[in-house]
Amino acid sequence: MGIIIGTLVIDLWVVILVIIAVIAFVILVINRGLAAHRLQIGAGREELIGKTAETITALEPKGTVFVEGEIWSAISEVGRVEPGEEVLITKVEGLKLYVDKPQ
């Protein structure tokens, strides 16, 4: 038993298998789309708080730090920090980061 299209005969089980595969694909795409839609965006200045940065210039108390591929102006809340040291971002105000030494 099969489906006849002109001179072509397609078995019914092939048609059913293709329909099931298409339905499964559509369900998968919808599921992945909904999951992606629910994700929160992880970008912006607020996301920097709590991350570590590496000092480029000495912070006494102002200087520059390197964090996530970017160079930022920073102000040390603990006094002088030498270049190359890691610091913890505690606050973001405008385009300046406030940093502290990690504990």
PDB file of N, CA and C in Angstrom:
ATOM      1  N   MET A   1       0.845  -1.169   0.000  1.00  0.00           N
ATOM      2  CA  MET A   1       0.000   0.000   0.000  1.00  0.00           C
ATOM      3  C   MET A   1       0.889   1.230   0.000  1.00  0.00           C
ATOM      4  N   GLY A   2       0.558   2.217  -0.802  1.00  0.00           N
ATOM      5  CA  GLY A   2       1.366   3.416  -0.886  1.00  0.00           C
ATOM      6  C   GLY A   2       0.587   4.561  -1.491  1.00  0.00           C
ATOM      7  N   ILE A   3       1.226   5.694  -1.570  1.00  0.00           N
ATOM      8  CA  ILE A   3       0.629   6.882  -2.158  1.00  0.00           C
ATOM      9  C   ILE A   3       1.140   6.987  -3.590  1.00  0.00           C
ATOM     10  N   ILE A   4       0.219   7.219  -4.517  1.00  0.00           N
ATOM     11  CA  ILE A   4       0.583   7.289  -5.929  1.00  0.00           C
ATOM     12  C   ILE A   4       0.578   8.743  -6.363  1.00  0.00           C
ATOM     13  N   ILE A   5       1.728   9.211  -6.853  1.00  0.00           N
ATOM     14  CA  ILE A   5       1.868  10.564  -7.397  1.00  0.00           C
ATOM     15  C   ILE A   5       2.343  10.399  -8.825  1.00  0.00           C
ATOM     16  N   GLY A   6       1.438  10.540  -9.765  1.00  0.00           N
ATOM     17  CA  GLY A   6       1.769  10.310 -11.167  1.00  0.00           C
ATOM     18  C   GLY A   6       2.157   8.858 -11.350  1.00  0.00           C
ATOM     19  N   THR A   7       3.390   8.645 -11.772  1.00  0.00           N
ATOM     20  CA  THR A   7       3.878   7.279 -11.940  1.00  0.00           C
ATOM     21  C   THR A   7       4.727   6.824 -10.755  1.00  0.00           C
ATOM     22  N   LEU A   8       4.846   7.688  -9.742  1.00  0.00           N
ATOM     23  CA  LEU A   8       5.669   7.406  -8.569  1.00  0.00           C
ATOM     24  C   LEU A   8       4.796   6.836  -7.455  1.00  0.00           C
ATOM     25  N   VAL A   9       5.263   5.763  -6.847  1.00  0.00           N
ATOM     26  CA  VAL A   9       4.556   5.156  -5.722  1.00  0.00           C
ATOM     27  C   VAL A   9       5.448   5.277  -4.484  1.00  0.00           C
ATOM     28  N   ILE A  10       4.920   5.937  -3.434  1.00  0.00           N
ATOM     29  CA  ILE A  10       5.674   6.126  -2.200  1.00  0.00           C
ATOM     30  C   ILE A  10       4.990   5.303  -1.119  1.00  0.00           C
ATOM     31  N   ASP A  11       5.779   4.486  -0.426  1.00  0.00           N
ATOM     32  CA  ASP A  11       5.225   3.670   0.646  1.00  0.00           C
ATOM     33  C   ASP A  11       4.671   4.572   1.747  1.00  0.00           C
ATOM     34  N   LEU A  12       3.588   4.150   2.365  1.00  0.00           N
ATOM     35  CA  LEU A  12       2.929   4.914   3.416  1.00  0.00           C
ATOM     36  C   LEU A  12       3.841   5.094   4.627  1.00  0.00           C
ATOM     37  N   TRP A  13       4.653   4.096   4.976  1.00  0.00           N
ATOM     38  CA  TRP A  13       5.533   4.205   6.136  1.00  0.00           C
ATOM     39  C   TRP A  13       6.601   5.278   5.923  1.00  0.00           C
ATOM     40  N   VAL A  14       7.029   5.528   4.687  1.00  0.00           N
ATOM     41  CA  VAL A  14       8.005   6.592   4.401  1.00  0.00           C
ATOM     42  C   VAL A  14       7.355   7.952   4.635  1.00  0.00           C
ATOM     43  N   VAL A  15       6.118   8.110   4.195  1.00  0.00           N
ATOM     44  CA  VAL A  15       5.396   9.365   4.391  1.00  0.00           C
ATOM     45  C   VAL A  15       5.221   9.629   5.881  1.00  0.00           C
ATOM     46  N   ILE A  16       4.827   8.620   6.641  1.00  0.00           N
ATOM     47  CA  ILE A  16       4.624   8.772   8.082  1.00  0.00           C
ATOM     48  C   ILE A  16       5.945   9.117   8.772  1.00  0.00           C
ATOM     49  N   LEU A  17       7.027   8.461   8.380  1.00  0.00           N
ATOM     50  CA  LEU A  17       8.340   8.728   8.965  1.00  0.00           C
ATOM     51  C   LEU A  17       8.787  10.166   8.698  1.00  0.00           C
ATOM     52  N   VAL A  18       8.564  10.669   7.496  1.00  0.00           N
ATOM     53  CA  VAL A  18       8.934  12.045   7.149  1.00  0.00           C
ATOM     54  C   VAL A  18       8.080  13.029   7.954  1.00  0.00           C
ATOM     55  N   ILE A  19       6.807  12.774   8.090  1.00  0.00           N
ATOM     56  CA  ILE A  19       5.927  13.651   8.868  1.00  0.00           C
ATOM     57  C   ILE A  19       6.379  13.691  10.328  1.00  0.00           C
ATOM     58  N   ILE A  20       6.707  12.543  10.910  1.00  0.00           N
ATOM     59  CA  ILE A  20       7.181  12.493  12.290  1.00  0.00           C
ATOM     60  C   ILE A  20       8.492  13.264  12.434  1.00  0.00           C
ATOM     61  N   ALA A  21       9.397  13.128  11.477  1.00  0.00           N
ATOM     62  CA  ALA A  21      10.671  13.839  11.529  1.00  0.00           C
ATOM     63  C   ALA A  21      10.458  15.354  11.445  1.00  0.00           C
ATOM     64  N   VAL A  22       9.558  15.798  10.587  1.00  0.00           N
ATOM     65  CA  VAL A  22       9.285  17.228  10.452  1.00  0.00           C
ATOM     66  C   VAL A  22       8.661  17.768  11.740  1.00  0.00           C
ATOM     67  N   ILE A  23       7.731  17.057  12.322  1.00  0.00           N
ATOM     68  CA  ILE A  23       7.101  17.483  13.578  1.00  0.00           C
ATOM     69  C   ILE A  23       8.141  17.558  14.696  1.00  0.00           C
ATOM     70  N   ALA A  24       9.016  16.551  14.783  1.00  0.00           N
ATOM     71  CA  ALA A  24      10.068  16.555  15.811  1.00  0.00           C
ATOM     72  C   ALA A  24      11.000  17.751  15.615  1.00  0.00           C
ATOM     73  N   PHE A  25      11.360  18.056  14.378  1.00  0.00           N
ATOM     74  CA  PHE A  25      12.229  19.197  14.095  1.00  0.00           C
ATOM     75  C   PHE A  25      11.565  20.508  14.499  1.00  0.00           C
ATOM     76  N   VAL A  26      10.301  20.674  14.178  1.00  0.00           N
ATOM     77  CA  VAL A  26       9.576  21.899  14.525  1.00  0.00           C
ATOM     78  C   VAL A  26       9.495  22.053  16.049  1.00  0.00           C
ATOM     79  N   ILE A  27       9.220  20.968  16.755  1.00  0.00           N
ATOM     80  CA  ILE A  27       9.165  21.018  18.217  1.00  0.00           C
ATOM     81  C   ILE A  27      10.532  21.393  18.788  1.00  0.00           C
ATOM     82  N   LEU A  28      11.599  20.823  18.251  1.00  0.00           N
ATOM     83  CA  LEU A  28      12.954  21.141  18.708  1.00  0.00           C
ATOM     84  C   LEU A  28      13.282  22.613  18.484  1.00  0.00           C
ATOM     85  N   VAL A  29      12.961  23.144  17.323  1.00  0.00           N
ATOM     86  CA  VAL A  29      13.247  24.548  17.016  1.00  0.00           C
ATOM     87  C   VAL A  29      12.452  25.474  17.938  1.00  0.00           C
ATOM     88  N   ILE A  30      11.197  25.173  18.157  1.00  0.00           N
ATOM     89  CA  ILE A  30      10.378  26.001  19.047  1.00  0.00           C
ATOM     90  C   ILE A  30      10.924  25.944  20.475  1.00  0.00           C
ATOM     91  N   ASN A  31      11.296  24.750  20.925  1.00  0.00           N
ATOM     92  CA  ASN A  31      11.847  24.584  22.271  1.00  0.00           C
ATOM     93  C   ASN A  31      13.140  25.387  22.442  1.00  0.00           C
ATOM     94  N   ARG A  32      14.051  25.296  21.485  1.00  0.00           N
ATOM     95  CA  ARG A  32      15.320  26.045  21.554  1.00  0.00           C
ATOM     96  C   ARG A  32      15.065  27.547  21.467  1.00  0.00           C
ATOM     97  N   GLY A  33      14.128  27.952  20.665  1.00  0.00           N
ATOM     98  CA  GLY A  33      13.796  29.373  20.545  1.00  0.00           C
ATOM     99  C   GLY A  33      13.249  29.939  21.841  1.00  0.00           C
ATOM    100  N   LEU A  34      12.370  29.199  22.503  1.00  0.00           N
ATOM    101  CA  LEU A  34      11.834  29.638  23.791  1.00  0.00           C
ATOM    102  C   LEU A  34      12.918  29.680  24.857  1.00  0.00           C
ATOM    103  N   ALA A  35      13.828  28.704  24.855  1.00  0.00           N
ATOM    104  CA  ALA A  35      14.917  28.684  25.832  1.00  0.00           C
ATOM    105  C   ALA A  35      15.837  29.884  25.626  1.00  0.00           C
ATOM    106  N   ALA A  36      16.140  30.214  24.387  1.00  0.00           N
ATOM    107  CA  ALA A  36      16.992  31.371  24.098  1.00  0.00           C
ATOM    108  C   ALA A  36      16.297  32.667  24.480  1.00  0.00           C
ATOM    109  N   HIS A  37      15.007  32.709  24.321  1.00  0.00           N
ATOM    110  CA  HIS A  37      14.244  33.911  24.659  1.00  0.00           C
ATOM    111  C   HIS A  37      14.238  34.167  26.161  1.00  0.00           C
ATOM    112  N   ARG A  38      14.290  33.106  26.969  1.00  0.00           N
ATOM    113  CA  ARG A  38      14.259  33.244  28.418  1.00  0.00           C
ATOM    114  C   ARG A  38      15.593  33.646  29.027  1.00  0.00           C
ATOM    115  N   LEU A  39      16.689  33.514  28.285  1.00  0.00           N
ATOM    116  CA  LEU A  39      18.006  33.853  28.823  1.00  0.00           C
ATOM    117  C   LEU A  39      18.112  35.344  29.093  1.00  0.00           C
ATOM    118  N   GLN A  40      18.761  35.686  30.210  1.00  0.00           N
ATOM    119  CA  GLN A  40      18.995  37.088  30.502  1.00  0.00           C
ATOM    120  C   GLN A  40      20.265  37.531  29.798  1.00  0.00           C
ATOM    121  N   ILE A  41      20.264  38.789  29.393  1.00  0.00           N
ATOM    122  CA  ILE A  41      21.436  39.336  28.734  1.00  0.00           C
ATOM    123  C   ILE A  41      22.501  39.582  29.793  1.00  0.00           C
ATOM    124  N   GLY A  42      23.705  39.115  29.530  1.00  0.00           N
ATOM    125  CA  GLY A  42      24.811  39.282  30.464  1.00  0.00           C
ATOM    126  C   GLY A  42      25.798  40.308  29.969  1.00  0.00           C
ATOM    127  N   ALA A  43      25.360  41.519  29.788  1.00  0.00           N
ATOM    128  CA  ALA A  43      26.254  42.565  29.294  1.00  0.00           C
ATOM    129  C   ALA A  43      25.966  43.852  30.040  1.00  0.00           C
ATOM    130  N   GLY A  44      26.882  44.758  29.959  1.00  0.00           N
ATOM    131  CA  GLY A  44      26.675  46.050  30.582  1.00  0.00           C
ATOM    132  C   GLY A  44      27.586  46.253  31.768  1.00  0.00           C
ATOM    133  N   ARG A  45      27.576  47.471  32.234  1.00  0.00           N
ATOM    134  CA  ARG A  45      28.460  47.844  33.331  1.00  0.00           C
ATOM    135  C   ARG A  45      28.132  47.104  34.616  1.00  0.00           C
ATOM    136  N   GLU A  46      26.867  46.855  34.863  1.00  0.00           N
ATOM    137  CA  GLU A  46      26.460  46.216  36.108  1.00  0.00           C
ATOM    138  C   GLU A  46      27.041  44.813  36.240  1.00  0.00           C
ATOM    139  N   GLU A  47      27.297  44.166  35.128  1.00  0.00           N
ATOM    140  CA  GLU A  47      27.840  42.810  35.140  1.00  0.00           C
ATOM    141  C   GLU A  47      29.300  42.775  35.577  1.00  0.00           C
ATOM    142  N   LEU A  48      29.980  43.911  35.605  1.00  0.00           N
ATOM    143  CA  LEU A  48      31.387  43.951  35.975  1.00  0.00           C
ATOM    144  C   LEU A  48      31.607  43.844  37.477  1.00  0.00           C
ATOM    145  N   ILE A  49      30.620  44.221  38.266  1.00  0.00           N
ATOM    146  CA  ILE A  49      30.770  44.206  39.715  1.00  0.00           C
ATOM    147  C   ILE A  49      31.017  42.772  40.193  1.00  0.00           C
ATOM    148  N   GLY A  50      32.088  42.621  40.973  1.00  0.00           N
ATOM    149  CA  GLY A  50      32.456  41.301  41.485  1.00  0.00           C
ATOM    150  C   GLY A  50      33.476  40.581  40.640  1.00  0.00           C
ATOM    151  N   LYS A  51      33.810  41.093  39.470  1.00  0.00           N
ATOM    152  CA  LYS A  51      34.797  40.454  38.602  1.00  0.00           C
ATOM    153  C   LYS A  51      36.185  40.986  38.928  1.00  0.00           C
ATOM    154  N   THR A  52      37.197  40.252  38.493  1.00  0.00           N
ATOM    155  CA  THR A  52      38.566  40.685  38.723  1.00  0.00           C
ATOM    156  C   THR A  52      39.101  41.367  37.475  1.00  0.00           C
ATOM    157  N   ALA A  53      40.011  42.310  37.711  1.00  0.00           N
ATOM    158  CA  ALA A  53      40.665  43.040  36.629  1.00  0.00           C
ATOM    159  C   ALA A  53      42.160  43.079  36.924  1.00  0.00           C
ATOM    160  N   GLU A  54      42.954  43.298  35.897  1.00  0.00           N
ATOM    161  CA  GLU A  54      44.398  43.409  36.065  1.00  0.00           C
ATOM    162  C   GLU A  54      44.800  44.862  35.881  1.00  0.00           C
ATOM    163  N   THR A  55      45.600  45.385  36.796  1.00  0.00           N
ATOM    164  CA  THR A  55      46.018  46.779  36.687  1.00  0.00           C
ATOM    165  C   THR A  55      47.058  46.922  35.583  1.00  0.00           C
ATOM    166  N   ILE A  56      46.894  47.968  34.779  1.00  0.00           N
ATOM    167  CA  ILE A  56      47.850  48.270  33.712  1.00  0.00           C
ATOM    168  C   ILE A  56      48.846  49.300  34.221  1.00  0.00           C
ATOM    169  N   THR A  57      48.324  50.344  34.838  1.00  0.00           N
ATOM    170  CA  THR A  57      49.175  51.356  35.451  1.00  0.00           C
ATOM    171  C   THR A  57      48.960  51.297  36.953  1.00  0.00           C
ATOM    172  N   ALA A  58      49.903  51.856  37.693  1.00  0.00           N
ATOM    173  CA  ALA A  58      49.753  51.880  39.149  1.00  0.00           C
ATOM    174  C   ALA A  58      48.517  52.695  39.511  1.00  0.00           C
ATOM    175  N   LEU A  59      47.756  52.183  40.435  1.00  0.00           N
ATOM    176  CA  LEU A  59      46.590  52.915  40.922  1.00  0.00           C
ATOM    177  C   LEU A  59      47.014  53.637  42.186  1.00  0.00           C
ATOM    178  N   GLU A  60      47.057  54.976  42.115  1.00  0.00           N
ATOM    179  CA  GLU A  60      47.477  55.754  43.284  1.00  0.00           C
ATOM    180  C   GLU A  60      46.654  56.998  43.476  1.00  0.00           C
ATOM    181  N   PRO A  61      45.438  57.048  43.713  1.00  0.00           N
ATOM    182  CA  PRO A  61      44.487  55.942  43.618  1.00  0.00           C
ATOM    183  C   PRO A  61      43.919  55.762  42.210  1.00  0.00           C
ATOM    184  N   LYS A  62      44.205  56.709  41.266  1.00  0.00           N
ATOM    185  CA  LYS A  62      43.644  56.581  39.915  1.00  0.00           C
ATOM    186  C   LYS A  62      44.632  55.904  38.982  1.00  0.00           C
ATOM    187  N   GLY A  63      44.093  55.187  38.005  1.00  0.00           N
ATOM    188  CA  GLY A  63      44.913  54.521  37.002  1.00  0.00           C
ATOM    189  C   GLY A  63      44.027  53.792  36.016  1.00  0.00           C
ATOM    190  N   THR A  64      44.591  52.781  35.345  1.00  0.00           N
ATOM    191  CA  THR A  64      43.811  52.017  34.371  1.00  0.00           C
ATOM    192  C   THR A  64      43.915  50.524  34.671  1.00  0.00           C
ATOM    193  N   VAL A  65      42.844  49.820  34.323  1.00  0.00           N
ATOM    194  CA  VAL A  65      42.794  48.373  34.504  1.00  0.00           C
ATOM    195  C   VAL A  65      42.306  47.724  33.219  1.00  0.00           C
ATOM    196  N   PHE A  66      42.601  46.435  33.077  1.00  0.00           N
ATOM    197  CA  PHE A  66      42.183  45.644  31.926  1.00  0.00           C
ATOM    198  C   PHE A  66      41.203  44.600  32.421  1.00  0.00           C
ATOM    199  N   VAL A  67      39.984  44.642  31.874  1.00  0.00           N
ATOM    200  CA  VAL A  67      38.963  43.680  32.285  1.00  0.00           C
ATOM    201  C   VAL A  67      38.136  43.277  31.071  1.00  0.00           C
ATOM    202  N   GLU A  68      38.007  41.972  30.858  1.00  0.00           N
ATOM    203  CA  GLU A  68      37.214  41.401  29.771  1.00  0.00           C
ATOM    204  C   GLU A  68      37.534  42.032  28.423  1.00  0.00           C
ATOM    205  N   GLY A  69      38.819  42.200  28.137  1.00  0.00           N
ATOM    206  CA  GLY A  69      39.241  42.697  26.832  1.00  0.00           C
ATOM    207  C   GLY A  69      39.146  44.198  26.662  1.00  0.00           C
ATOM    208  N   GLU A  70      38.861  44.932  27.717  1.00  0.00           N
ATOM    209  CA  GLU A  70      38.701  46.387  27.629  1.00  0.00           C
ATOM    210  C   GLU A  70      39.570  47.072  28.664  1.00  0.00           C
ATOM    211  N   ILE A  71      39.977  48.288  28.348  1.00  0.00           N
ATOM    212  CA  ILE A  71      40.740  49.106  29.280  1.00  0.00           C
ATOM    213  C   ILE A  71      39.795  50.120  29.895  1.00  0.00           C
ATOM    214  N   TRP A  72      39.779  50.181  31.233  1.00  0.00           N
ATOM    215  CA  TRP A  72      38.892  51.065  31.972  1.00  0.00           C
ATOM    216  C   TRP A  72      39.706  51.960  32.890  1.00  0.00           C
ATOM    217  N   SER A  73      39.195  53.150  33.170  1.00  0.00           N
ATOM    218  CA  SER A  73      39.748  53.994  34.214  1.00  0.00           C
ATOM    219  C   SER A  73      39.282  53.424  35.546  1.00  0.00           C
ATOM    220  N   ALA A  74      40.174  53.443  36.526  1.00  0.00           N
ATOM    221  CA  ALA A  74      39.828  52.845  37.812  1.00  0.00           C
ATOM    222  C   ALA A  74      40.336  53.711  38.953  1.00  0.00           C
ATOM    223  N   ILE A  75      39.662  53.588  40.076  1.00  0.00           N
ATOM    224  CA  ILE A  75      40.045  54.268  41.295  1.00  0.00           C
ATOM    225  C   ILE A  75      40.157  53.205  42.385  1.00  0.00           C
ATOM    226  N   SER A  76      41.324  53.168  43.021  1.00  0.00           N
ATOM    227  CA  SER A  76      41.561  52.202  44.091  1.00  0.00           C
ATOM    228  C   SER A  76      40.957  52.712  45.389  1.00  0.00           C
ATOM    229  N   GLU A  77      40.255  51.835  46.077  1.00  0.00           N
ATOM    230  CA  GLU A  77      39.671  52.179  47.368  1.00  0.00           C
ATOM    231  C   GLU A  77      40.590  51.777  48.522  1.00  0.00           C
ATOM    232  N   VAL A  78      41.761  51.203  48.197  1.00  0.00           N
ATOM    233  CA  VAL A  78      42.666  50.717  49.243  1.00  0.00           C
ATOM    234  C   VAL A  78      44.039  51.369  49.177  1.00  0.00           C
ATOM    235  N   GLY A  79      44.184  52.421  48.413  1.00  0.00           N
ATOM    236  CA  GLY A  79      45.495  53.052  48.282  1.00  0.00           C
ATOM    237  C   GLY A  79      46.201  52.585  47.026  1.00  0.00           C
ATOM    238  N   ARG A  80      47.528  52.533  47.080  1.00  0.00           N
ATOM    239  CA  ARG A  80      48.334  52.200  45.895  1.00  0.00           C
ATOM    240  C   ARG A  80      48.248  50.716  45.552  1.00  0.00           C
ATOM    241  N   VAL A  81      48.076  50.449  44.244  1.00  0.00           N
ATOM    242  CA  VAL A  81      48.096  49.088  43.716  1.00  0.00           C
ATOM    243  C   VAL A  81      49.090  49.086  42.565  1.00  0.00           C
ATOM    244  N   GLU A  82      50.015  48.143  42.581  1.00  0.00           N
ATOM    245  CA  GLU A  82      51.074  48.072  41.570  1.00  0.00           C
ATOM    246  C   GLU A  82      50.541  47.516  40.239  1.00  0.00           C
ATOM    247  N   PRO A  83      51.205  47.874  39.117  1.00  0.00           N
ATOM    248  CA  PRO A  83      50.814  47.321  37.815  1.00  0.00           C
ATOM    249  C   PRO A  83      50.956  45.796  37.806  1.00  0.00           C
ATOM    250  N   GLY A  84      50.022  45.129  37.177  1.00  0.00           N
ATOM    251  CA  GLY A  84      50.042  43.677  37.075  1.00  0.00           C
ATOM    252  C   GLY A  84      49.298  42.960  38.185  1.00  0.00           C
ATOM    253  N   GLU A  85      48.911  43.682  39.215  1.00  0.00           N
ATOM    254  CA  GLU A  85      48.162  43.057  40.310  1.00  0.00           C
ATOM    255  C   GLU A  85      46.699  42.892  39.917  1.00  0.00           C
ATOM    256  N   GLU A  86      46.073  41.881  40.506  1.00  0.00           N
ATOM    257  CA  GLU A  86      44.642  41.688  40.285  1.00  0.00           C
ATOM    258  C   GLU A  86      43.855  42.466  41.322  1.00  0.00           C
ATOM    259  N   VAL A  87      42.771  43.064  40.880  1.00  0.00           N
ATOM    260  CA  VAL A  87      41.889  43.809  41.770  1.00  0.00           C
ATOM    261  C   VAL A  87      40.453  43.354  41.536  1.00  0.00           C
ATOM    262  N   LEU A  88      39.611  43.596  42.513  1.00  0.00           N
ATOM    263  CA  LEU A  88      38.202  43.212  42.460  1.00  0.00           C
ATOM    264  C   LEU A  88      37.353  44.456  42.230  1.00  0.00           C
ATOM    265  N   ILE A  89      36.466  44.410  41.263  1.00  0.00           N
ATOM    266  CA  ILE A  89      35.604  45.558  40.953  1.00  0.00           C
ATOM    267  C   ILE A  89      34.467  45.589  41.963  1.00  0.00           C
ATOM    268  N   THR A  90      34.345  46.726  42.670  1.00  0.00           N
ATOM    269  CA  THR A  90      33.324  46.849  43.708  1.00  0.00           C
ATOM    270  C   THR A  90      32.177  47.758  43.302  1.00  0.00           C
ATOM    271  N   LYS A  91      32.446  48.695  42.384  1.00  0.00           N
ATOM    272  CA  LYS A  91      31.401  49.652  42.016  1.00  0.00           C
ATOM    273  C   LYS A  91      31.720  50.211  40.629  1.00  0.00           C
ATOM    274  N   VAL A  92      30.682  50.548  39.881  1.00  0.00           N
ATOM    275  CA  VAL A  92      30.832  51.195  38.582  1.00  0.00           C
ATOM    276  C   VAL A  92      30.076  52.504  38.636  1.00  0.00           C
ATOM    277  N   GLU A  93      30.771  53.579  38.329  1.00  0.00           N
ATOM    278  CA  GLU A  93      30.145  54.902  38.353  1.00  0.00           C
ATOM    279  C   GLU A  93      30.539  55.615  37.064  1.00  0.00           C
ATOM    280  N   GLY A  94      29.582  55.761  36.151  1.00  0.00           N
ATOM    281  CA  GLY A  94      29.908  56.343  34.845  1.00  0.00           C
ATOM    282  C   GLY A  94      30.844  55.404  34.110  1.00  0.00           C
ATOM    283  N   LEU A  95      32.004  55.929  33.710  1.00  0.00           N
ATOM    284  CA  LEU A  95      32.993  55.104  33.022  1.00  0.00           C
ATOM    285  C   LEU A  95      34.187  54.801  33.916  1.00  0.00           C
ATOM    286  N   LYS A  96      34.004  54.913  35.210  1.00  0.00           N
ATOM    287  CA  LYS A  96      35.077  54.615  36.161  1.00  0.00           C
ATOM    288  C   LYS A  96      34.697  53.406  37.003  1.00  0.00           C
ATOM    289  N   LEU A  97      35.707  52.573  37.230  1.00  0.00           N
ATOM    290  CA  LEU A  97      35.526  51.411  38.091  1.00  0.00           C
ATOM    291  C   LEU A  97      36.183  51.694  39.428  1.00  0.00           C
ATOM    292  N   TYR A  98      35.542  51.298  40.495  1.00  0.00           N
ATOM    293  CA  TYR A  98      36.118  51.373  41.828  1.00  0.00           C
ATOM    294  C   TYR A  98      36.569  49.968  42.179  1.00  0.00           C
ATOM    295  N   VAL A  99      37.812  49.850  42.596  1.00  0.00           N
ATOM    296  CA  VAL A  99      38.389  48.518  42.800  1.00  0.00           C
ATOM    297  C   VAL A  99      38.980  48.389  44.194  1.00  0.00           C
ATOM    298  N   ASP A 100      39.112  47.144  44.616  1.00  0.00           N
ATOM    299  CA  ASP A 100      39.661  46.795  45.918  1.00  0.00           C
ATOM    300  C   ASP A 100      40.541  45.565  45.691  1.00  0.00           C
ATOM    301  N   LYS A 101      41.471  45.309  46.585  1.00  0.00           N
ATOM    302  CA  LYS A 101      42.289  44.106  46.471  1.00  0.00           C
ATOM    303  C   LYS A 101      41.440  42.905  46.896  1.00  0.00           C
ATOM    304  N   PRO A 102      41.547  41.783  46.157  1.00  0.00           N
ATOM    305  CA  PRO A 102      40.761  40.591  46.542  1.00  0.00           C
ATOM    306  C   PRO A 102      41.235  40.055  47.891  1.00  0.00           C
ATOM    307  N   GLN A 103      40.322  39.466  48.623  1.00  0.00           N
ATOM    308  CA  GLN A 103      40.671  38.959  49.956  1.00  0.00           C
ATOM    309  C   GLN A 103      40.870  37.483  49.959  1.00  0.00           C
TER     310      GLN A 103
END
